């Protein structure tokens, strides 16, 4: 397997967004299925507590996670714990940025690990001890003020590029909001969610056009 990266998919997203957790997994699965292990995923910060002015509501997030689990992702959201829901993701996003400064692939692994810690292991990713464990596990230096500044810079860059929400994917001249899912909202029944395989595939086809596997 080659470790050469010829294409990078950028994703503006927050760690506590359950739709991103599903979307990143879907992109990774499609990347593996098509043999495009040369493609990296660069998860940029879209800090919803800054975007919305308040942190995410644990109960609302749990409800969305339950809807995703019941409708499209029965293998995910096994241990989301509202009592250990993070009060902020800014430090975790800073850790992801520091990991990307270390190496593109380390950054990707840390971005996935942070979401696994929250949604699959019931850990609080705003807890310094949780972040210290991840720093140790992935050999990442503790984030500094430049990493925290980079989180805000990503937010402003996302605004400039027209990010609609978490997750918004970019690759070359192609961008799409939440390509893995088709979501409709009903005032009575809540969210109706289905996997949108054709939309995801089309995004990747357009994204990877002109680049060949290493």
N, C-alpha and C. Protein backbone atom coordinates (compact mmCIF):
# COMPACT_ATOMS: atom_id res chain seq x y z
N UNK A 1 0.85 -1.20 0.00
CA UNK A 1 0.00 0.00 0.00
C UNK A 1 0.88 1.24 0.00
N UNK A 2 0.64 2.14 -0.93
CA UNK A 2 1.44 3.36 -1.00
C UNK A 2 0.98 4.35 0.04
N UNK A 3 1.94 5.12 0.60
CA UNK A 3 1.60 6.17 1.55
C UNK A 3 1.62 7.53 0.89
N UNK A 4 1.86 7.56 -0.44
CA UNK A 4 1.87 8.82 -1.15
C UNK A 4 0.45 9.38 -1.24
N UNK A 5 0.33 10.67 -0.95
CA UNK A 5 -0.97 11.31 -1.03
C UNK A 5 -1.02 12.20 -2.26
N UNK A 6 -1.97 11.96 -3.16
CA UNK A 6 -2.09 12.78 -4.35
C UNK A 6 -3.30 13.70 -4.29
N UNK A 7 -4.26 13.41 -3.41
CA UNK A 7 -5.45 14.23 -3.28
C UNK A 7 -5.80 14.40 -1.81
N UNK A 8 -6.38 15.54 -1.48
CA UNK A 8 -6.82 15.80 -0.11
C UNK A 8 -8.26 16.26 -0.15
N UNK A 9 -9.10 15.58 0.61
CA UNK A 9 -10.47 16.00 0.82
C UNK A 9 -10.50 16.84 2.09
N UNK A 10 -10.93 18.08 1.99
CA UNK A 10 -11.06 18.94 3.16
C UNK A 10 -12.49 18.86 3.68
N UNK A 11 -12.62 18.82 4.99
CA UNK A 11 -13.94 18.78 5.62
C UNK A 11 -13.97 19.82 6.73
N UNK A 12 -14.89 20.76 6.63
CA UNK A 12 -15.12 21.69 7.73
C UNK A 12 -16.18 21.07 8.63
N UNK A 13 -15.81 20.83 9.90
CA UNK A 13 -16.72 20.09 10.77
C UNK A 13 -16.35 20.30 12.23
N UNK A 14 -17.31 19.97 13.10
CA UNK A 14 -17.04 19.97 14.53
C UNK A 14 -17.04 18.54 15.04
N UNK A 15 -16.39 18.34 16.17
CA UNK A 15 -16.19 16.99 16.70
C UNK A 15 -17.49 16.43 17.26
N UNK A 16 -18.31 17.27 17.88
CA UNK A 16 -19.52 16.76 18.50
C UNK A 16 -20.72 16.74 17.56
N UNK A 17 -20.48 16.91 16.28
CA UNK A 17 -21.55 16.81 15.28
C UNK A 17 -21.73 15.34 14.89
N UNK A 18 -22.86 14.72 15.21
CA UNK A 18 -23.04 13.30 14.89
C UNK A 18 -23.12 13.02 13.39
N UNK A 19 -23.57 13.99 12.61
CA UNK A 19 -23.66 13.79 11.16
C UNK A 19 -22.26 13.70 10.54
N UNK A 20 -21.31 14.43 11.12
CA UNK A 20 -19.93 14.35 10.66
C UNK A 20 -19.35 12.97 10.95
N UNK A 21 -19.68 12.42 12.11
CA UNK A 21 -19.17 11.09 12.47
C UNK A 21 -19.56 10.06 11.42
N UNK A 22 -20.81 10.13 10.97
CA UNK A 22 -21.28 9.23 9.92
C UNK A 22 -20.64 9.57 8.58
N UNK A 23 -20.57 10.86 8.26
CA UNK A 23 -20.03 11.28 6.97
C UNK A 23 -18.58 10.93 6.77
N UNK A 24 -17.77 11.12 7.81
CA UNK A 24 -16.35 10.77 7.70
C UNK A 24 -16.17 9.26 7.51
N UNK A 25 -16.94 8.48 8.24
CA UNK A 25 -16.86 7.02 8.09
C UNK A 25 -17.25 6.61 6.66
N UNK A 26 -18.28 7.26 6.13
CA UNK A 26 -18.74 6.92 4.77
C UNK A 26 -17.67 7.25 3.73
N UNK A 27 -17.04 8.40 3.88
CA UNK A 27 -15.97 8.79 2.95
C UNK A 27 -14.81 7.80 3.05
N UNK A 28 -14.46 7.44 4.28
CA UNK A 28 -13.35 6.49 4.48
C UNK A 28 -13.68 5.13 3.87
N UNK A 29 -14.91 4.66 4.07
CA UNK A 29 -15.31 3.37 3.51
C UNK A 29 -15.26 3.39 1.98
N UNK A 30 -15.71 4.48 1.38
CA UNK A 30 -15.69 4.58 -0.07
C UNK A 30 -14.26 4.68 -0.58
N UNK A 31 -13.42 5.37 0.15
CA UNK A 31 -12.01 5.48 -0.21
C UNK A 31 -11.34 4.10 -0.22
N UNK A 32 -11.63 3.31 0.79
CA UNK A 32 -11.08 1.95 0.85
C UNK A 32 -11.66 1.08 -0.26
N UNK A 33 -12.98 1.18 -0.45
CA UNK A 33 -13.66 0.34 -1.45
C UNK A 33 -13.10 0.58 -2.84
N UNK A 34 -12.78 1.82 -3.15
CA UNK A 34 -12.27 2.16 -4.49
C UNK A 34 -10.76 2.08 -4.58
N UNK A 35 -10.10 1.67 -3.50
CA UNK A 35 -8.65 1.53 -3.54
C UNK A 35 -7.90 2.84 -3.54
N UNK A 36 -8.58 3.93 -3.14
CA UNK A 36 -7.93 5.24 -3.16
C UNK A 36 -7.30 5.56 -1.80
N UNK A 37 -6.37 4.69 -1.39
CA UNK A 37 -5.67 4.91 -0.13
C UNK A 37 -4.65 6.04 -0.23
N UNK A 38 -4.48 6.58 -1.44
CA UNK A 38 -3.60 7.73 -1.61
C UNK A 38 -4.30 9.04 -1.25
N UNK A 39 -5.59 8.99 -1.00
CA UNK A 39 -6.37 10.19 -0.70
C UNK A 39 -6.44 10.40 0.81
N UNK A 40 -6.11 11.60 1.26
CA UNK A 40 -6.16 11.93 2.68
C UNK A 40 -7.37 12.81 2.97
N UNK A 41 -7.80 12.78 4.23
CA UNK A 41 -8.91 13.60 4.69
C UNK A 41 -8.36 14.63 5.66
N UNK A 42 -8.53 15.89 5.32
CA UNK A 42 -8.07 16.99 6.20
C UNK A 42 -9.29 17.63 6.83
N UNK A 43 -9.50 17.35 8.12
CA UNK A 43 -10.67 17.87 8.81
C UNK A 43 -10.33 19.23 9.41
N UNK A 44 -10.94 20.27 8.88
CA UNK A 44 -10.76 21.63 9.37
C UNK A 44 -11.79 21.93 10.45
N UNK A 45 -11.52 22.92 11.26
CA UNK A 45 -12.41 23.26 12.37
C UNK A 45 -13.59 24.11 11.90
N UNK A 46 -14.78 23.67 12.27
CA UNK A 46 -15.99 24.48 12.11
C UNK A 46 -16.66 24.49 13.48
N UNK A 47 -16.13 25.33 14.40
CA UNK A 47 -16.54 25.26 15.81
C UNK A 47 -17.95 25.78 16.02
N UNK A 48 -18.88 24.88 16.22
CA UNK A 48 -20.29 25.24 16.28
C UNK A 48 -20.61 26.15 17.46
N UNK A 49 -19.83 26.07 18.54
CA UNK A 49 -20.10 26.97 19.67
C UNK A 49 -19.77 28.42 19.32
N UNK A 50 -18.89 28.62 18.33
CA UNK A 50 -18.63 29.96 17.83
C UNK A 50 -19.61 30.32 16.72
N UNK A 51 -19.90 29.36 15.87
CA UNK A 51 -20.86 29.59 14.78
C UNK A 51 -22.23 29.97 15.34
N UNK A 52 -22.69 29.21 16.35
CA UNK A 52 -24.04 29.40 16.90
C UNK A 52 -24.07 30.31 18.13
N UNK A 53 -22.91 30.55 18.72
CA UNK A 53 -22.84 31.38 19.91
C UNK A 53 -23.09 30.63 21.20
N UNK A 54 -23.40 29.32 21.12
CA UNK A 54 -23.63 28.48 22.30
C UNK A 54 -23.15 27.07 22.00
N UNK A 55 -22.77 26.30 23.03
CA UNK A 55 -22.40 24.89 22.81
C UNK A 55 -23.61 24.07 22.35
N UNK A 56 -23.33 22.91 21.78
CA UNK A 56 -24.43 22.01 21.41
C UNK A 56 -25.15 21.50 22.65
N UNK A 57 -26.44 21.29 22.49
CA UNK A 57 -27.28 20.74 23.56
C UNK A 57 -27.07 19.22 23.59
N UNK A 58 -26.62 18.67 24.73
CA UNK A 58 -26.37 17.22 24.79
C UNK A 58 -27.60 16.39 24.44
N UNK A 59 -28.78 16.81 24.93
CA UNK A 59 -30.00 16.02 24.69
C UNK A 59 -30.37 16.03 23.21
N UNK A 60 -30.24 17.18 22.57
CA UNK A 60 -30.56 17.26 21.14
C UNK A 60 -29.57 16.43 20.33
N UNK A 61 -28.29 16.53 20.69
CA UNK A 61 -27.28 15.75 19.99
C UNK A 61 -27.52 14.26 20.16
N UNK A 62 -27.88 13.85 21.37
CA UNK A 62 -28.18 12.43 21.62
C UNK A 62 -29.38 11.99 20.79
N UNK A 63 -30.38 12.84 20.67
CA UNK A 63 -31.55 12.49 19.86
C UNK A 63 -31.16 12.30 18.40
N UNK A 64 -30.32 13.19 17.88
CA UNK A 64 -29.87 13.05 16.49
C UNK A 64 -29.02 11.78 16.32
N UNK A 65 -28.16 11.51 17.30
CA UNK A 65 -27.34 10.30 17.24
C UNK A 65 -28.22 9.06 17.23
N UNK A 66 -29.27 9.07 18.05
CA UNK A 66 -30.20 7.93 18.09
C UNK A 66 -30.90 7.76 16.74
N UNK A 67 -31.30 8.89 16.14
CA UNK A 67 -31.96 8.82 14.83
C UNK A 67 -31.01 8.26 13.77
N UNK A 68 -29.77 8.69 13.81
CA UNK A 68 -28.78 8.16 12.86
C UNK A 68 -28.55 6.67 13.08
N UNK A 69 -28.43 6.28 14.33
CA UNK A 69 -28.21 4.87 14.64
C UNK A 69 -29.39 4.01 14.19
N UNK A 70 -30.59 4.48 14.43
CA UNK A 70 -31.78 3.71 14.09
C UNK A 70 -32.03 3.65 12.59
N UNK A 71 -31.66 4.71 11.86
CA UNK A 71 -32.06 4.80 10.46
C UNK A 71 -30.94 4.47 9.47
N UNK A 72 -29.68 4.79 9.78
CA UNK A 72 -28.63 4.58 8.78
C UNK A 72 -27.33 3.99 9.30
N UNK A 73 -27.09 4.05 10.62
CA UNK A 73 -25.77 3.65 11.12
C UNK A 73 -25.90 2.82 12.39
N UNK A 74 -26.44 1.59 12.29
CA UNK A 74 -26.66 0.78 13.49
C UNK A 74 -25.37 0.40 14.21
N UNK A 75 -24.24 0.51 13.52
CA UNK A 75 -22.96 0.13 14.11
C UNK A 75 -22.30 1.27 14.87
N UNK A 76 -22.87 2.47 14.81
CA UNK A 76 -22.26 3.65 15.42
C UNK A 76 -23.05 4.14 16.64
N UNK A 77 -22.44 5.09 17.36
CA UNK A 77 -23.06 5.74 18.52
C UNK A 77 -23.39 4.74 19.62
N UNK A 78 -22.42 3.90 19.92
CA UNK A 78 -22.65 2.83 20.89
C UNK A 78 -22.58 3.31 22.33
N UNK A 79 -21.81 4.39 22.59
CA UNK A 79 -21.58 4.77 23.99
C UNK A 79 -21.70 6.27 24.25
N UNK A 80 -22.43 7.01 23.42
CA UNK A 80 -22.57 8.43 23.68
C UNK A 80 -23.25 8.64 25.03
N UNK A 81 -22.58 9.39 25.90
CA UNK A 81 -23.03 9.57 27.28
C UNK A 81 -23.33 11.06 27.50
N UNK A 82 -24.61 11.40 27.67
CA UNK A 82 -24.95 12.82 27.84
C UNK A 82 -24.36 13.38 29.13
N UNK A 83 -24.06 12.52 30.11
CA UNK A 83 -23.47 12.99 31.35
C UNK A 83 -21.98 13.29 31.20
N UNK A 84 -21.40 12.81 30.10
CA UNK A 84 -19.99 13.11 29.81
C UNK A 84 -19.86 13.87 28.50
N UNK A 85 -20.90 14.57 28.14
CA UNK A 85 -20.87 15.33 26.89
C UNK A 85 -19.96 16.54 27.08
N UNK A 86 -19.11 16.83 26.11
CA UNK A 86 -18.17 17.94 26.27
C UNK A 86 -18.86 19.29 26.41
N UNK A 87 -18.28 20.15 27.23
CA UNK A 87 -18.79 21.51 27.39
C UNK A 87 -18.27 22.42 26.29
N UNK A 88 -17.22 21.97 25.60
CA UNK A 88 -16.61 22.73 24.51
C UNK A 88 -15.81 21.75 23.67
N UNK A 89 -15.59 22.10 22.40
CA UNK A 89 -14.69 21.29 21.57
C UNK A 89 -13.46 22.08 21.13
N UNK A 90 -13.28 23.29 21.62
CA UNK A 90 -12.20 24.14 21.13
C UNK A 90 -10.82 23.53 21.40
N UNK A 91 -10.62 22.97 22.59
CA UNK A 91 -9.33 22.36 22.90
C UNK A 91 -9.11 21.09 22.06
N UNK A 92 -10.18 20.33 21.84
CA UNK A 92 -10.06 19.12 21.02
C UNK A 92 -9.76 19.48 19.57
N UNK A 93 -10.39 20.52 19.07
CA UNK A 93 -10.10 20.99 17.71
C UNK A 93 -8.66 21.48 17.61
N UNK A 94 -8.18 22.12 18.68
CA UNK A 94 -6.79 22.56 18.69
C UNK A 94 -5.84 21.36 18.65
N UNK A 95 -6.20 20.29 19.36
CA UNK A 95 -5.39 19.07 19.32
C UNK A 95 -5.35 18.49 17.91
N UNK A 96 -6.50 18.47 17.24
CA UNK A 96 -6.53 17.97 15.86
C UNK A 96 -5.62 18.82 14.97
N UNK A 97 -5.66 20.13 15.16
CA UNK A 97 -4.80 21.00 14.36
C UNK A 97 -3.33 20.71 14.62
N UNK A 98 -2.96 20.53 15.89
CA UNK A 98 -1.57 20.19 16.22
C UNK A 98 -1.18 18.87 15.58
N UNK A 99 -2.10 17.90 15.56
CA UNK A 99 -1.80 16.61 14.94
C UNK A 99 -1.54 16.76 13.45
N UNK A 100 -2.33 17.60 12.79
CA UNK A 100 -2.10 17.84 11.36
C UNK A 100 -0.78 18.55 11.12
N UNK A 101 -0.36 19.39 12.05
CA UNK A 101 0.95 20.03 11.93
C UNK A 101 2.06 18.99 12.03
N UNK A 102 1.80 17.91 12.77
CA UNK A 102 2.77 16.83 12.90
C UNK A 102 2.88 16.05 11.60
N UNK A 103 1.71 15.67 11.04
CA UNK A 103 1.68 14.87 9.82
C UNK A 103 0.23 14.79 9.36
N UNK A 104 0.02 14.82 8.06
CA UNK A 104 -1.33 14.79 7.51
C UNK A 104 -2.08 13.54 7.95
N UNK A 105 -1.42 12.41 7.94
CA UNK A 105 -2.09 11.16 8.29
C UNK A 105 -2.31 11.03 9.80
N UNK A 106 -1.39 11.57 10.59
CA UNK A 106 -1.60 11.61 12.04
C UNK A 106 -2.80 12.48 12.37
N UNK A 107 -2.90 13.62 11.69
CA UNK A 107 -4.04 14.50 11.90
C UNK A 107 -5.35 13.81 11.59
N UNK A 108 -5.37 13.04 10.51
CA UNK A 108 -6.59 12.32 10.15
C UNK A 108 -6.95 11.30 11.22
N UNK A 109 -5.97 10.56 11.68
CA UNK A 109 -6.24 9.53 12.69
C UNK A 109 -6.73 10.14 14.00
N UNK A 110 -6.14 11.26 14.38
CA UNK A 110 -6.58 11.92 15.61
C UNK A 110 -8.00 12.46 15.44
N UNK A 111 -8.32 13.00 14.27
CA UNK A 111 -9.67 13.51 14.03
C UNK A 111 -10.72 12.41 14.17
N UNK A 112 -10.40 11.24 13.64
CA UNK A 112 -11.31 10.10 13.79
C UNK A 112 -11.35 9.63 15.25
N UNK A 113 -10.20 9.60 15.90
CA UNK A 113 -10.11 9.10 17.28
C UNK A 113 -10.88 9.99 18.25
N UNK A 114 -10.87 11.29 18.03
CA UNK A 114 -11.63 12.20 18.90
C UNK A 114 -13.12 11.89 18.82
N UNK A 115 -13.60 11.63 17.63
CA UNK A 115 -15.03 11.32 17.46
C UNK A 115 -15.35 9.93 18.02
N UNK A 116 -14.45 8.99 17.85
CA UNK A 116 -14.66 7.68 18.44
C UNK A 116 -14.71 7.78 19.97
N UNK A 117 -13.82 8.61 20.54
CA UNK A 117 -13.80 8.77 21.99
C UNK A 117 -15.14 9.27 22.50
N UNK A 118 -15.72 10.23 21.80
CA UNK A 118 -17.00 10.80 22.22
C UNK A 118 -18.17 9.86 21.97
N UNK A 119 -18.28 9.37 20.74
CA UNK A 119 -19.49 8.65 20.33
C UNK A 119 -19.44 7.15 20.58
N UNK A 120 -18.23 6.57 20.60
CA UNK A 120 -18.13 5.11 20.73
C UNK A 120 -17.58 4.66 22.08
N UNK A 121 -16.99 5.59 22.82
CA UNK A 121 -16.38 5.22 24.10
C UNK A 121 -16.94 6.01 25.28
N UNK A 122 -17.83 6.96 25.02
CA UNK A 122 -18.45 7.71 26.09
C UNK A 122 -17.50 8.59 26.87
N UNK A 123 -16.48 9.11 26.21
CA UNK A 123 -15.48 9.95 26.88
C UNK A 123 -15.74 11.42 26.59
N UNK A 124 -15.37 12.26 27.54
CA UNK A 124 -15.55 13.69 27.44
C UNK A 124 -14.31 14.30 26.78
N UNK A 125 -14.45 14.75 25.54
CA UNK A 125 -13.29 15.28 24.82
C UNK A 125 -12.99 16.74 25.17
N UNK A 126 -13.71 17.29 26.16
CA UNK A 126 -13.30 18.57 26.72
C UNK A 126 -12.49 18.38 28.01
N UNK A 127 -12.37 17.14 28.44
CA UNK A 127 -11.60 16.81 29.64
C UNK A 127 -10.12 16.76 29.29
N UNK A 128 -9.28 17.57 29.96
CA UNK A 128 -7.84 17.56 29.66
C UNK A 128 -7.20 16.19 29.75
N UNK A 129 -7.67 15.35 30.68
CA UNK A 129 -7.08 14.01 30.80
C UNK A 129 -7.36 13.17 29.57
N UNK A 130 -8.56 13.29 29.01
CA UNK A 130 -8.88 12.56 27.78
C UNK A 130 -7.96 13.01 26.65
N UNK A 131 -7.76 14.31 26.53
CA UNK A 131 -6.91 14.83 25.47
C UNK A 131 -5.45 14.44 25.68
N UNK A 132 -5.01 14.41 26.93
CA UNK A 132 -3.63 14.00 27.22
C UNK A 132 -3.40 12.54 26.80
N UNK A 133 -4.39 11.69 27.03
CA UNK A 133 -4.26 10.29 26.61
C UNK A 133 -4.11 10.20 25.10
N UNK A 134 -4.91 10.95 24.37
CA UNK A 134 -4.83 10.93 22.91
C UNK A 134 -3.49 11.51 22.43
N UNK A 135 -3.02 12.56 23.07
CA UNK A 135 -1.70 13.10 22.72
C UNK A 135 -0.64 12.02 22.85
N UNK A 136 -0.69 11.28 23.96
CA UNK A 136 0.29 10.22 24.20
C UNK A 136 0.14 9.10 23.18
N UNK A 137 -1.10 8.68 22.93
CA UNK A 137 -1.34 7.55 22.04
C UNK A 137 -0.85 7.82 20.62
N UNK A 138 -0.96 9.07 20.17
CA UNK A 138 -0.60 9.40 18.79
C UNK A 138 0.71 10.17 18.68
N UNK A 139 1.39 10.36 19.80
CA UNK A 139 2.69 11.03 19.77
C UNK A 139 2.60 12.48 19.34
N UNK A 140 1.56 13.17 19.80
CA UNK A 140 1.32 14.56 19.41
C UNK A 140 1.69 15.48 20.57
N UNK A 141 2.37 16.57 20.26
CA UNK A 141 2.73 17.56 21.26
C UNK A 141 1.48 18.31 21.71
N UNK A 142 1.45 18.73 22.97
CA UNK A 142 0.31 19.48 23.49
C UNK A 142 0.08 20.75 22.66
N UNK A 143 -1.15 21.02 22.27
CA UNK A 143 -1.43 22.22 21.48
C UNK A 143 -1.04 23.49 22.22
N UNK A 144 -0.72 24.52 21.45
CA UNK A 144 -0.39 25.81 22.03
C UNK A 144 -1.34 26.87 21.50
N UNK A 145 -1.04 28.12 21.78
CA UNK A 145 -1.93 29.21 21.38
C UNK A 145 -2.07 29.32 19.87
N UNK A 146 -1.02 28.93 19.14
CA UNK A 146 -1.13 29.00 17.67
C UNK A 146 -2.14 27.99 17.15
N UNK A 147 -2.28 26.85 17.83
CA UNK A 147 -3.28 25.86 17.43
C UNK A 147 -4.69 26.36 17.75
N UNK A 148 -4.84 27.03 18.87
CA UNK A 148 -6.16 27.60 19.22
C UNK A 148 -6.52 28.71 18.24
N UNK A 149 -5.51 29.50 17.85
CA UNK A 149 -5.76 30.54 16.86
C UNK A 149 -6.13 29.94 15.52
N UNK A 150 -5.55 28.79 15.20
CA UNK A 150 -5.84 28.13 13.93
C UNK A 150 -7.29 27.66 13.87
N UNK A 151 -7.87 27.28 15.01
CA UNK A 151 -9.28 26.88 15.05
C UNK A 151 -10.16 28.04 14.63
N UNK A 152 -9.88 29.22 15.17
CA UNK A 152 -10.66 30.41 14.80
C UNK A 152 -10.40 30.78 13.35
N UNK A 153 -9.15 30.63 12.91
CA UNK A 153 -8.82 30.93 11.51
C UNK A 153 -9.56 30.00 10.55
N UNK A 154 -9.68 28.73 10.92
CA UNK A 154 -10.45 27.79 10.10
C UNK A 154 -11.90 28.22 10.00
N UNK A 155 -12.46 28.65 11.13
CA UNK A 155 -13.85 29.12 11.15
C UNK A 155 -14.04 30.27 10.16
N UNK A 156 -13.13 31.23 10.19
CA UNK A 156 -13.25 32.36 9.29
C UNK A 156 -13.00 31.96 7.83
N UNK A 157 -12.08 31.01 7.64
CA UNK A 157 -11.85 30.50 6.28
C UNK A 157 -13.09 29.78 5.77
N UNK A 158 -13.75 29.02 6.64
CA UNK A 158 -14.99 28.36 6.25
C UNK A 158 -16.08 29.35 5.88
N UNK A 159 -16.17 30.44 6.64
CA UNK A 159 -17.14 31.48 6.30
C UNK A 159 -16.85 32.05 4.92
N UNK A 160 -15.57 32.31 4.65
CA UNK A 160 -15.18 32.88 3.36
C UNK A 160 -15.52 31.93 2.22
N UNK A 161 -15.41 30.63 2.46
CA UNK A 161 -15.63 29.64 1.41
C UNK A 161 -17.08 29.16 1.33
N UNK A 162 -17.93 29.73 2.15
CA UNK A 162 -19.36 29.42 2.04
C UNK A 162 -19.79 28.14 2.71
N UNK A 163 -19.13 27.75 3.79
CA UNK A 163 -19.53 26.54 4.50
C UNK A 163 -20.96 26.69 5.01
N UNK A 164 -21.77 25.67 4.75
CA UNK A 164 -23.19 25.70 5.13
C UNK A 164 -23.43 25.11 6.51
N UNK A 165 -22.53 24.24 6.95
CA UNK A 165 -22.71 23.60 8.24
C UNK A 165 -21.73 22.45 8.37
N UNK A 166 -21.89 21.69 9.44
CA UNK A 166 -21.00 20.56 9.72
C UNK A 166 -21.71 19.25 9.37
N UNK A 167 -21.12 18.49 8.40
CA UNK A 167 -19.84 18.65 7.72
C UNK A 167 -20.03 19.21 6.29
N UNK A 168 -19.08 20.01 5.86
CA UNK A 168 -19.07 20.52 4.49
C UNK A 168 -17.74 20.09 3.87
N UNK A 169 -17.84 19.35 2.74
CA UNK A 169 -16.68 18.74 2.11
C UNK A 169 -16.22 19.57 0.91
N UNK A 170 -14.91 19.68 0.76
CA UNK A 170 -14.30 20.38 -0.36
C UNK A 170 -13.21 19.49 -0.96
N UNK A 171 -13.12 19.50 -2.29
CA UNK A 171 -12.02 18.81 -2.98
C UNK A 171 -11.84 19.47 -4.34
N UNK A 172 -10.71 20.14 -4.53
CA UNK A 172 -10.51 20.87 -5.78
C UNK A 172 -11.58 21.94 -5.94
N UNK A 173 -12.25 21.93 -7.06
CA UNK A 173 -13.31 22.91 -7.32
C UNK A 173 -14.69 22.41 -6.91
N UNK A 174 -14.74 21.24 -6.29
CA UNK A 174 -16.01 20.62 -5.90
C UNK A 174 -16.25 20.77 -4.41
N UNK A 175 -17.46 21.13 -4.03
CA UNK A 175 -17.81 21.14 -2.61
C UNK A 175 -19.27 20.75 -2.45
N UNK A 176 -19.57 20.14 -1.31
CA UNK A 176 -20.93 19.69 -1.05
C UNK A 176 -21.13 19.56 0.46
N UNK A 177 -22.32 19.93 0.91
CA UNK A 177 -22.66 19.80 2.33
C UNK A 177 -23.22 18.41 2.59
N UNK A 178 -22.63 17.72 3.54
CA UNK A 178 -23.13 16.43 4.04
C UNK A 178 -23.51 15.46 2.91
N UNK A 179 -22.56 15.07 2.05
CA UNK A 179 -22.91 14.28 0.87
C UNK A 179 -23.35 12.86 1.16
N UNK A 180 -23.07 12.34 2.34
CA UNK A 180 -23.38 10.94 2.62
C UNK A 180 -24.82 10.72 3.04
N UNK A 181 -25.54 11.82 3.37
CA UNK A 181 -26.87 11.66 3.95
C UNK A 181 -27.89 12.56 3.26
N UNK A 182 -29.12 12.05 3.16
CA UNK A 182 -30.26 12.85 2.71
C UNK A 182 -31.15 13.02 3.94
N UNK A 183 -31.25 14.27 4.41
CA UNK A 183 -31.93 14.54 5.68
C UNK A 183 -33.14 15.44 5.44
N UNK A 184 -34.28 15.02 5.91
CA UNK A 184 -35.48 15.86 5.88
C UNK A 184 -36.02 15.97 7.31
N UNK A 185 -36.62 17.11 7.60
CA UNK A 185 -37.12 17.36 8.95
C UNK A 185 -38.64 17.41 8.94
N UNK A 186 -39.22 16.69 9.88
CA UNK A 186 -40.67 16.67 10.05
C UNK A 186 -40.99 17.20 11.44
N UNK A 187 -41.91 18.14 11.52
CA UNK A 187 -42.22 18.77 12.81
C UNK A 187 -42.82 17.77 13.81
N UNK A 188 -43.33 16.67 13.32
CA UNK A 188 -43.95 15.68 14.20
C UNK A 188 -43.01 14.51 14.49
N UNK A 189 -42.41 13.96 13.43
CA UNK A 189 -41.62 12.74 13.58
C UNK A 189 -40.12 13.00 13.72
N UNK A 190 -39.68 14.25 13.66
CA UNK A 190 -38.25 14.53 13.76
C UNK A 190 -37.57 14.37 12.43
N UNK A 191 -36.32 13.88 12.45
CA UNK A 191 -35.54 13.77 11.24
C UNK A 191 -35.79 12.44 10.54
N UNK A 192 -35.87 12.52 9.22
CA UNK A 192 -35.87 11.32 8.38
C UNK A 192 -34.55 11.31 7.64
N UNK A 193 -33.77 10.23 7.81
CA UNK A 193 -32.41 10.19 7.28
C UNK A 193 -32.23 8.92 6.46
N UNK A 194 -31.65 9.07 5.29
CA UNK A 194 -31.28 7.91 4.47
C UNK A 194 -29.87 8.15 3.93
N UNK A 195 -29.16 7.07 3.70
CA UNK A 195 -27.84 7.18 3.08
C UNK A 195 -28.01 7.60 1.62
N UNK A 196 -27.21 8.55 1.19
CA UNK A 196 -27.27 9.02 -0.19
C UNK A 196 -26.00 8.57 -0.91
N UNK A 197 -26.01 7.29 -1.29
CA UNK A 197 -24.81 6.70 -1.87
C UNK A 197 -24.46 7.35 -3.20
N UNK A 198 -25.47 7.65 -4.02
CA UNK A 198 -25.20 8.22 -5.34
C UNK A 198 -24.56 9.60 -5.23
N UNK A 199 -25.04 10.39 -4.28
CA UNK A 199 -24.48 11.73 -4.09
C UNK A 199 -23.05 11.66 -3.58
N UNK A 200 -22.80 10.75 -2.66
CA UNK A 200 -21.44 10.57 -2.15
C UNK A 200 -20.51 10.11 -3.26
N UNK A 201 -20.96 9.14 -4.05
CA UNK A 201 -20.14 8.62 -5.13
C UNK A 201 -19.85 9.71 -6.16
N UNK A 202 -20.86 10.51 -6.49
CA UNK A 202 -20.67 11.59 -7.46
C UNK A 202 -19.66 12.60 -6.96
N UNK A 203 -19.73 12.93 -5.67
CA UNK A 203 -18.75 13.85 -5.10
C UNK A 203 -17.34 13.31 -5.25
N UNK A 204 -17.15 12.04 -4.94
CA UNK A 204 -15.82 11.46 -5.02
C UNK A 204 -15.34 11.34 -6.46
N UNK A 205 -16.24 11.03 -7.38
CA UNK A 205 -15.87 10.97 -8.79
C UNK A 205 -15.36 12.34 -9.26
N UNK A 206 -16.11 13.37 -8.92
CA UNK A 206 -15.69 14.72 -9.31
C UNK A 206 -14.43 15.14 -8.58
N UNK A 207 -14.34 14.76 -7.32
CA UNK A 207 -13.20 15.11 -6.51
C UNK A 207 -11.90 14.50 -7.05
N UNK A 208 -12.00 13.23 -7.43
CA UNK A 208 -10.79 12.49 -7.81
C UNK A 208 -10.53 12.48 -9.31
N UNK A 209 -11.36 13.16 -10.07
CA UNK A 209 -11.14 13.23 -11.51
C UNK A 209 -9.78 13.90 -11.79
N UNK A 210 -9.01 13.24 -12.59
CA UNK A 210 -7.71 13.79 -12.96
C UNK A 210 -6.58 13.38 -12.04
N UNK A 211 -6.90 12.67 -10.94
CA UNK A 211 -5.83 12.16 -10.08
C UNK A 211 -5.86 10.65 -10.14
N UNK A 212 -4.71 10.04 -10.20
CA UNK A 212 -4.63 8.59 -10.33
C UNK A 212 -4.10 8.00 -9.05
N UNK A 213 -4.54 6.78 -8.71
CA UNK A 213 -3.99 6.12 -7.54
C UNK A 213 -2.48 5.98 -7.68
N UNK A 214 -1.78 6.12 -6.54
CA UNK A 214 -0.31 6.01 -6.56
C UNK A 214 0.09 4.58 -6.81
